[in-house]
Amino acid sequence: MKKKLLLFILLALAGCGTKGGMEGILTSSDVLIVQHHIREHYRCLETLCQRLYLKNPKYEPDPKKREARLNAVFYGDGTLAEPWNRRASHEILTAVFDPATTYPDRVALLALGLRRSIDEGYNQTGPDQTMFTSLELSLERLKRLHSNLNQVNWRLKSSRNSEQNLYFLTNEADPAGHLNMGYEVLMTRVLTRIEDDIFMRGGNPPNLVFRISTMFLSLFL
């Protein structure tokens, strides 16, 4: 009886409340921050990939196909093509810089790996993604996510194919004259938010530089 009465009061408050309704009442401030960070991660990473396309049009010359692939990854069902849709984030990111990668569009594959990384790092992969407190986040996963994205940032500037050509033009000018498109600024924003979430979760101070692994780490523990 008491539980029914409490539920009735909450529903009544939700109906009379301001923007957010029940979600605003029942969701703690730390969860709202994390949810905001996840949305901003997606936005920044999509923009990063859009800018990489501008510098590296060889991976997909058709602007409409580029847009369709990024929309599917970041706003659709988060898929791209088989077998990549069934691969974990660290496997996809490894394939992005692998000379033997079978998927021709490395930018789209990178987008999928980045999106999958955020989902795995923030436990957004299961059917029930409801979060009641930031304590539900795995501190170890966030640290590994931070390490993997740091490695992406480094590999974008350094990884080369067998002809010693960079897989991705970033700071270098491309044949059309495009200069640095600010991808590194976007990645820094993502990394800073992850550091904030690590700190909020009780981890090391955000200004601590985590050791970058020589390989991409699995986010599944």
C-alpha atoms as a PDB file:
ATOM      1  CA  MET A   1       0.000   0.000   0.000  1.00  0.00           C
ATOM      2  CA  LYS A   2       2.801   2.408   0.939  1.00  0.00           C
ATOM      3  CA  LYS A   3       4.643   1.628  -2.305  1.00  0.00           C
ATOM      4  CA  LYS A   4       1.500   2.345  -4.325  1.00  0.00           C
ATOM      5  CA  LEU A   5       1.024   5.632  -2.500  1.00  0.00           C
ATOM      6  CA  LEU A   6       4.641   6.630  -3.149  1.00  0.00           C
ATOM      7  CA  LEU A   7       4.311   5.772  -6.835  1.00  0.00           C
ATOM      8  CA  PHE A   8       1.112   7.839  -7.044  1.00  0.00           C
ATOM      9  CA  ILE A   9       2.875  10.843  -5.488  1.00  0.00           C
ATOM     10  CA  LEU A  10       5.810  10.537  -7.884  1.00  0.00           C
ATOM     11  CA  LEU A  11       3.520  10.312 -10.884  1.00  0.00           C
ATOM     12  CA  ALA A  12       1.593  13.337  -9.705  1.00  0.00           C
ATOM     13  CA  LEU A  13       4.797  15.304  -9.258  1.00  0.00           C
ATOM     14  CA  ALA A  14       5.945  14.226 -12.701  1.00  0.00           C
ATOM     15  CA  GLY A  15       2.745  15.492 -14.247  1.00  0.00           C
ATOM     16  CA  CYS A  16       3.123  18.890 -12.579  1.00  0.00           C
ATOM     17  CA  GLY A  17       6.879  19.138 -12.943  1.00  0.00           C
ATOM     18  CA  THR A  18       8.959  21.109 -15.377  1.00  0.00           C
ATOM     19  CA  LYS A  19      10.842  19.770 -18.383  1.00  0.00           C
ATOM     20  CA  GLY A  20      12.095  16.246 -17.738  1.00  0.00           C
ATOM     21  CA  GLY A  21       9.103  14.867 -15.825  1.00  0.00           C
ATOM     22  CA  MET A  22       9.830  11.578 -14.061  1.00  0.00           C
ATOM     23  CA  GLU A  23      13.276  11.413 -15.616  1.00  0.00           C
ATOM     24  CA  GLY A  24      14.246  14.713 -14.024  1.00  0.00           C
ATOM     25  CA  ILE A  25      12.960  13.541 -10.627  1.00  0.00           C
ATOM     26  CA  LEU A  26      14.379  10.035 -10.593  1.00  0.00           C
ATOM     27  CA  THR A  27      17.708  10.592 -12.381  1.00  0.00           C
ATOM     28  CA  SER A  28      20.623  11.711 -10.222  1.00  0.00           C
ATOM     29  CA  SER A  29      22.826  14.608 -11.295  1.00  0.00           C
ATOM     30  CA  ASP A  30      25.878  12.400 -11.890  1.00  0.00           C
ATOM     31  CA  VAL A  31      23.907  10.207 -14.299  1.00  0.00           C
ATOM     32  CA  LEU A  32      22.645  13.290 -16.157  1.00  0.00           C
ATOM     33  CA  ILE A  33      26.265  14.407 -16.551  1.00  0.00           C
ATOM     34  CA  VAL A  34      27.323  11.003 -17.873  1.00  0.00           C
ATOM     35  CA  GLN A  35      24.389  10.914 -20.312  1.00  0.00           C
ATOM     36  CA  HIS A  36      25.333  14.385 -21.539  1.00  0.00           C
ATOM     37  CA  HIS A  37      28.938  13.246 -21.982  1.00  0.00           C
ATOM     38  CA  ILE A  38      27.878  10.239 -24.052  1.00  0.00           C
ATOM     39  CA  ARG A  39      25.803  12.444 -26.381  1.00  0.00           C
ATOM     40  CA  GLU A  40      28.719  14.863 -26.733  1.00  0.00           C
ATOM     41  CA  HIS A  41      31.115  11.975 -27.428  1.00  0.00           C
ATOM     42  CA  TYR A  42      28.932  10.881 -30.350  1.00  0.00           C
ATOM     43  CA  ARG A  43      28.672  14.432 -31.689  1.00  0.00           C
ATOM     44  CA  CYS A  44      32.423  15.103 -31.500  1.00  0.00           C
ATOM     45  CA  LEU A  45      33.400  11.756 -32.992  1.00  0.00           C
ATOM     46  CA  GLU A  46      30.955  12.146 -35.875  1.00  0.00           C
ATOM     47  CA  THR A  47      32.419  15.587 -36.636  1.00  0.00           C
ATOM     48  CA  LEU A  48      35.925  14.145 -36.380  1.00  0.00           C
ATOM     49  CA  CYS A  49      35.074  11.507 -39.003  1.00  0.00           C
ATOM     50  CA  GLN A  50      33.403  14.090 -41.254  1.00  0.00           C
ATOM     51  CA  ARG A  51      36.635  16.095 -41.192  1.00  0.00           C
ATOM     52  CA  LEU A  52      38.737  13.029 -41.864  1.00  0.00           C
ATOM     53  CA  TYR A  53      36.597  12.373 -44.941  1.00  0.00           C
ATOM     54  CA  LEU A  54      37.381  15.881 -46.197  1.00  0.00           C
ATOM     55  CA  LYS A  55      41.092  15.213 -45.856  1.00  0.00           C
ATOM     56  CA  ASN A  56      40.863  11.620 -47.123  1.00  0.00           C
ATOM     57  CA  PRO A  57      38.156  11.497 -49.821  1.00  0.00           C
ATOM     58  CA  LYS A  58      39.791   8.427 -51.406  1.00  0.00           C
ATOM     59  CA  TYR A  59      38.044   6.206 -48.860  1.00  0.00           C
ATOM     60  CA  GLU A  60      34.618   7.300 -50.138  1.00  0.00           C
ATOM     61  CA  PRO A  61      34.386   9.907 -52.907  1.00  0.00           C
ATOM     62  CA  ASP A  62      30.571  10.120 -52.757  1.00  0.00           C
ATOM     63  CA  PRO A  63      29.455  12.650 -50.073  1.00  0.00           C
ATOM     64  CA  LYS A  64      25.997  11.071 -49.862  1.00  0.00           C
ATOM     65  CA  LYS A  65      27.437   7.639 -49.091  1.00  0.00           C
ATOM     66  CA  ARG A  66      29.717   9.169 -46.455  1.00  0.00           C
ATOM     67  CA  GLU A  67      26.739  10.840 -44.776  1.00  0.00           C
ATOM     68  CA  ALA A  68      24.653   7.660 -44.945  1.00  0.00           C
ATOM     69  CA  ARG A  69      27.393   5.577 -43.312  1.00  0.00           C
ATOM     70  CA  LEU A  70      28.026   8.059 -40.514  1.00  0.00           C
ATOM     71  CA  ASN A  71      24.290   8.437 -39.895  1.00  0.00           C
ATOM     72  CA  ALA A  72      23.912   4.663 -39.627  1.00  0.00           C
ATOM     73  CA  VAL A  73      26.804   4.447 -37.155  1.00  0.00           C
ATOM     74  CA  PHE A  74      25.974   7.413 -34.920  1.00  0.00           C
ATOM     75  CA  TYR A  75      22.197   7.850 -35.294  1.00  0.00           C
ATOM     76  CA  GLY A  76      20.894   4.593 -36.719  1.00  0.00           C
ATOM     77  CA  ASP A  77      21.348   1.100 -35.385  1.00  0.00           C
ATOM     78  CA  GLY A  78      25.102   1.540 -34.914  1.00  0.00           C
ATOM     79  CA  THR A  79      26.011  -0.899 -37.690  1.00  0.00           C
ATOM     80  CA  LEU A  80      28.037  -0.732 -40.876  1.00  0.00           C
ATOM     81  CA  ALA A  81      28.680  -4.102 -42.538  1.00  0.00           C
ATOM     82  CA  GLU A  82      29.380  -7.726 -41.692  1.00  0.00           C
ATOM     83  CA  PRO A  83      31.461  -9.104 -40.122  1.00  0.00           C
ATOM     84  CA  TRP A  84      32.306  -5.815 -38.409  1.00  0.00           C
ATOM     85  CA  ASN A  85      28.893  -5.446 -36.803  1.00  0.00           C
ATOM     86  CA  ARG A  86      29.664  -8.493 -34.652  1.00  0.00           C
ATOM     87  CA  ARG A  87      33.187  -7.407 -33.686  1.00  0.00           C
ATOM     88  CA  ALA A  88      34.221  -5.751 -30.429  1.00  0.00           C
ATOM     89  CA  SER A  89      35.560  -2.200 -30.496  1.00  0.00           C
ATOM     90  CA  HIS A  90      39.223  -3.134 -30.014  1.00  0.00           C
ATOM     91  CA  GLU A  91      39.033  -5.559 -32.947  1.00  0.00           C
ATOM     92  CA  ILE A  92      37.475  -2.907 -35.206  1.00  0.00           C
ATOM     93  CA  LEU A  93      40.046  -0.271 -34.238  1.00  0.00           C
ATOM     94  CA  THR A  94      42.858  -2.743 -34.855  1.00  0.00           C
ATOM     95  CA  ALA A  95      41.446  -3.415 -38.336  1.00  0.00           C
ATOM     96  CA  VAL A  96      41.331   0.318 -39.165  1.00  0.00           C
ATOM     97  CA  PHE A  97      45.144   0.421 -39.165  1.00  0.00           C
ATOM     98  CA  ASP A  98      45.719  -3.102 -40.476  1.00  0.00           C
ATOM     99  CA  PRO A  99      47.260  -3.323 -43.992  1.00  0.00           C
ATOM    100  CA  ALA A 100      45.123  -6.401 -44.668  1.00  0.00           C
ATOM    101  CA  THR A 101      41.773  -4.795 -43.767  1.00  0.00           C
ATOM    102  CA  THR A 102      39.068  -6.030 -46.126  1.00  0.00           C
ATOM    103  CA  TYR A 103      36.672  -3.096 -45.649  1.00  0.00           C
ATOM    104  CA  PRO A 104      37.768  -0.360 -48.078  1.00  0.00           C
ATOM    105  CA  ASP A 105      36.382   2.677 -46.219  1.00  0.00           C
ATOM    106  CA  ARG A 106      38.739   3.116 -43.288  1.00  0.00           C
ATOM    107  CA  VAL A 107      37.008   6.318 -42.129  1.00  0.00           C
ATOM    108  CA  ALA A 108      33.637   4.571 -41.785  1.00  0.00           C
ATOM    109  CA  LEU A 109      35.333   1.634 -40.052  1.00  0.00           C
ATOM    110  CA  LEU A 110      36.991   4.072 -37.655  1.00  0.00           C
ATOM    111  CA  ALA A 111      33.587   5.664 -36.970  1.00  0.00           C
ATOM    112  CA  LEU A 112      32.145   2.260 -36.098  1.00  0.00           C
ATOM    113  CA  GLY A 113      35.092   1.449 -33.831  1.00  0.00           C
ATOM    114  CA  LEU A 114      34.793   4.776 -32.020  1.00  0.00           C
ATOM    115  CA  ARG A 115      31.028   4.480 -31.566  1.00  0.00           C
ATOM    116  CA  ARG A 116      31.388   0.898 -30.333  1.00  0.00           C
ATOM    117  CA  SER A 117      34.162   2.014 -27.956  1.00  0.00           C
ATOM    118  CA  ILE A 118      31.907   4.589 -26.286  1.00  0.00           C
ATOM    119  CA  ASP A 119      29.040   2.093 -26.019  1.00  0.00           C
ATOM    120  CA  GLU A 120      31.250  -0.567 -24.450  1.00  0.00           C
ATOM    121  CA  GLY A 121      33.114   1.842 -22.189  1.00  0.00           C
ATOM    122  CA  TYR A 122      29.878   3.297 -20.819  1.00  0.00           C
ATOM    123  CA  ASN A 123      28.001  -0.025 -20.710  1.00  0.00           C
ATOM    124  CA  GLN A 124      25.540   0.949 -23.448  1.00  0.00           C
ATOM    125  CA  THR A 125      25.564  -2.368 -25.294  1.00  0.00           C
ATOM    126  CA  GLY A 126      22.955  -4.443 -23.477  1.00  0.00           C
ATOM    127  CA  PRO A 127      19.158  -4.384 -23.765  1.00  0.00           C
ATOM    128  CA  ASP A 128      18.821  -2.562 -20.430  1.00  0.00           C
ATOM    129  CA  GLN A 129      20.850   0.654 -20.568  1.00  0.00           C
ATOM    130  CA  THR A 130      19.115   2.317 -17.624  1.00  0.00           C
ATOM    131  CA  MET A 131      21.610   3.895 -15.252  1.00  0.00           C
ATOM    132  CA  PHE A 132      20.674   4.973 -11.721  1.00  0.00           C
ATOM    133  CA  THR A 133      24.127   6.054 -10.516  1.00  0.00           C
ATOM    134  CA  SER A 134      27.541   6.621 -12.058  1.00  0.00           C
ATOM    135  CA  LEU A 135      28.852   3.931  -9.695  1.00  0.00           C
ATOM    136  CA  GLU A 136      27.419   1.413 -12.160  1.00  0.00           C
ATOM    137  CA  LEU A 137      30.179   2.414 -14.586  1.00  0.00           C
ATOM    138  CA  SER A 138      33.302   0.270 -14.548  1.00  0.00           C
ATOM    139  CA  LEU A 139      36.329   2.354 -13.625  1.00  0.00           C
ATOM    140  CA  GLU A 140      38.609  -0.129 -15.383  1.00  0.00           C
ATOM    141  CA  ARG A 141      36.550   0.087 -18.576  1.00  0.00           C
ATOM    142  CA  LEU A 142      36.761   3.881 -18.585  1.00  0.00           C
ATOM    143  CA  LYS A 143      40.535   3.709 -18.136  1.00  0.00           C
ATOM    144  CA  ARG A 144      40.864   1.240 -21.010  1.00  0.00           C
ATOM    145  CA  LEU A 145      38.574   3.393 -23.148  1.00  0.00           C
ATOM    146  CA  HIS A 146      40.811   6.385 -22.418  1.00  0.00           C
ATOM    147  CA  SER A 147      43.893   4.350 -23.377  1.00  0.00           C
ATOM    148  CA  ASN A 148      42.327   3.124 -26.639  1.00  0.00           C
ATOM    149  CA  LEU A 149      41.233   6.590 -27.764  1.00  0.00           C
ATOM    150  CA  ASN A 150      44.667   7.972 -26.923  1.00  0.00           C
ATOM    151  CA  GLN A 151      46.109   5.294 -29.153  1.00  0.00           C
ATOM    152  CA  VAL A 152      43.697   6.197 -31.971  1.00  0.00           C
ATOM    153  CA  ASN A 153      44.853   9.798 -31.653  1.00  0.00           C
ATOM    154  CA  TRP A 154      48.477   8.696 -31.944  1.00  0.00           C
ATOM    155  CA  ARG A 155      47.953   6.220 -34.775  1.00  0.00           C
ATOM    156  CA  LEU A 156      46.033   8.725 -36.893  1.00  0.00           C
ATOM    157  CA  LYS A 157      49.228  10.786 -37.031  1.00  0.00           C
ATOM    158  CA  SER A 158      51.761   7.981 -37.377  1.00  0.00           C
ATOM    159  CA  SER A 159      50.430   4.733 -38.920  1.00  0.00           C
ATOM    160  CA  ARG A 160      51.667   4.074 -42.471  1.00  0.00           C
ATOM    161  CA  ASN A 161      51.099   1.451 -45.139  1.00  0.00           C
ATOM    162  CA  SER A 162      53.758  -0.676 -46.834  1.00  0.00           C
ATOM    163  CA  GLU A 163      54.623   2.240 -49.150  1.00  0.00           C
ATOM    164  CA  GLN A 164      55.244   4.391 -46.061  1.00  0.00           C
ATOM    165  CA  ASN A 165      52.247   6.576 -46.824  1.00  0.00           C
ATOM    166  CA  LEU A 166      50.044   7.650 -43.928  1.00  0.00           C
ATOM    167  CA  TYR A 167      46.696   5.887 -43.791  1.00  0.00           C
ATOM    168  CA  PHE A 168      45.081   9.203 -42.866  1.00  0.00           C
ATOM    169  CA  LEU A 169      46.028  12.751 -43.756  1.00  0.00           C
ATOM    170  CA  THR A 170      45.509  14.830 -40.622  1.00  0.00           C
ATOM    171  CA  ASN A 171      47.879  17.748 -40.039  1.00  0.00           C
ATOM    172  CA  GLU A 172      49.361  17.469 -43.524  1.00  0.00           C
ATOM    173  CA  ALA A 173      47.888  19.390 -46.431  1.00  0.00           C
ATOM    174  CA  ASP A 174      46.077  17.194 -48.921  1.00  0.00           C
ATOM    175  CA  PRO A 175      46.239  17.676 -52.723  1.00  0.00           C
ATOM    176  CA  ALA A 176      43.245  20.040 -52.539  1.00  0.00           C
ATOM    177  CA  GLY A 177      45.029  22.240 -50.006  1.00  0.00           C
ATOM    178  CA  HIS A 178      43.039  21.311 -46.870  1.00  0.00           C
ATOM    179  CA  LEU A 179      45.066  21.905 -43.721  1.00  0.00           C
ATOM    180  CA  ASN A 180      44.525  20.611 -40.186  1.00  0.00           C
ATOM    181  CA  MET A 181      40.767  20.260 -39.717  1.00  0.00           C
ATOM    182  CA  GLY A 182      40.890  20.300 -35.939  1.00  0.00           C
ATOM    183  CA  TYR A 183      40.324  16.568 -35.439  1.00  0.00           C
ATOM    184  CA  GLU A 184      42.799  16.554 -32.562  1.00  0.00           C
ATOM    185  CA  VAL A 185      40.834  19.247 -30.711  1.00  0.00           C
ATOM    186  CA  LEU A 186      37.704  17.115 -30.968  1.00  0.00           C
ATOM    187  CA  MET A 187      39.511  14.030 -29.679  1.00  0.00           C
ATOM    188  CA  THR A 188      40.943  16.049 -26.791  1.00  0.00           C
ATOM    189  CA  ARG A 189      37.426  17.115 -25.791  1.00  0.00           C
ATOM    190  CA  VAL A 190      36.297  13.484 -25.736  1.00  0.00           C
ATOM    191  CA  LEU A 191      39.319  12.418 -23.701  1.00  0.00           C
ATOM    192  CA  THR A 192      38.808  15.266 -21.221  1.00  0.00           C
ATOM    193  CA  ARG A 193      35.187  14.234 -20.608  1.00  0.00           C
ATOM    194  CA  ILE A 194      36.275  10.629 -20.067  1.00  0.00           C
ATOM    195  CA  GLU A 195      38.878  11.850 -17.569  1.00  0.00           C
ATOM    196  CA  ASP A 196      36.136  13.765 -15.750  1.00  0.00           C
ATOM    197  CA  ASP A 197      34.017  10.607 -15.586  1.00  0.00           C
ATOM    198  CA  ILE A 198      36.997   8.631 -14.287  1.00  0.00           C
ATOM    199  CA  PHE A 199      37.493  11.251 -11.581  1.00  0.00           C
ATOM    200  CA  MET A 200      33.762  11.283 -10.740  1.00  0.00           C
ATOM    201  CA  ARG A 201      33.891   7.483 -10.515  1.00  0.00           C
ATOM    202  CA  GLY A 202      36.639   7.772  -7.897  1.00  0.00           C
ATOM    203  CA  GLY A 203      39.631   7.169 -10.111  1.00  0.00           C
ATOM    204  CA  ASN A 204      42.907   9.007 -10.508  1.00  0.00           C
ATOM    205  CA  PRO A 205      42.924  12.777 -11.024  1.00  0.00           C
ATOM    206  CA  PRO A 206      41.930  13.837 -14.556  1.00  0.00           C
ATOM    207  CA  ASN A 207      45.337  15.373 -15.258  1.00  0.00           C
ATOM    208  CA  LEU A 208      47.064  12.016 -14.856  1.00  0.00           C
ATOM    209  CA  VAL A 209      48.471  10.790 -18.187  1.00  0.00           C
ATOM    210  CA  PHE A 210      47.462   7.158 -18.593  1.00  0.00           C
ATOM    211  CA  ARG A 211      49.966   4.787 -20.136  1.00  0.00           C
ATOM    212  CA  ILE A 212      49.149   4.182 -23.785  1.00  0.00           C
ATOM    213  CA  SER A 213      49.217   0.492 -24.588  1.00  0.00           C
ATOM    214  CA  THR A 214      50.939  -0.794 -27.718  1.00  0.00           C
ATOM    215  CA  MET A 215      47.690  -2.511 -28.666  1.00  0.00           C
ATOM    216  CA  PHE A 216      43.998  -1.801 -28.399  1.00  0.00           C
ATOM    217  CA  LEU A 217      42.548  -3.222 -25.201  1.00  0.00           C
ATOM    218  CA  SER A 218      39.320  -5.170 -24.843  1.00  0.00           C
ATOM    219  CA  LEU A 219      36.710  -3.202 -22.911  1.00  0.00           C
ATOM    220  CA  PHE A 220      34.889  -6.358 -21.831  1.00  0.00           C
ATOM    221  CA  LEU A 221      36.034  -7.540 -18.400  1.00  0.00           C
END
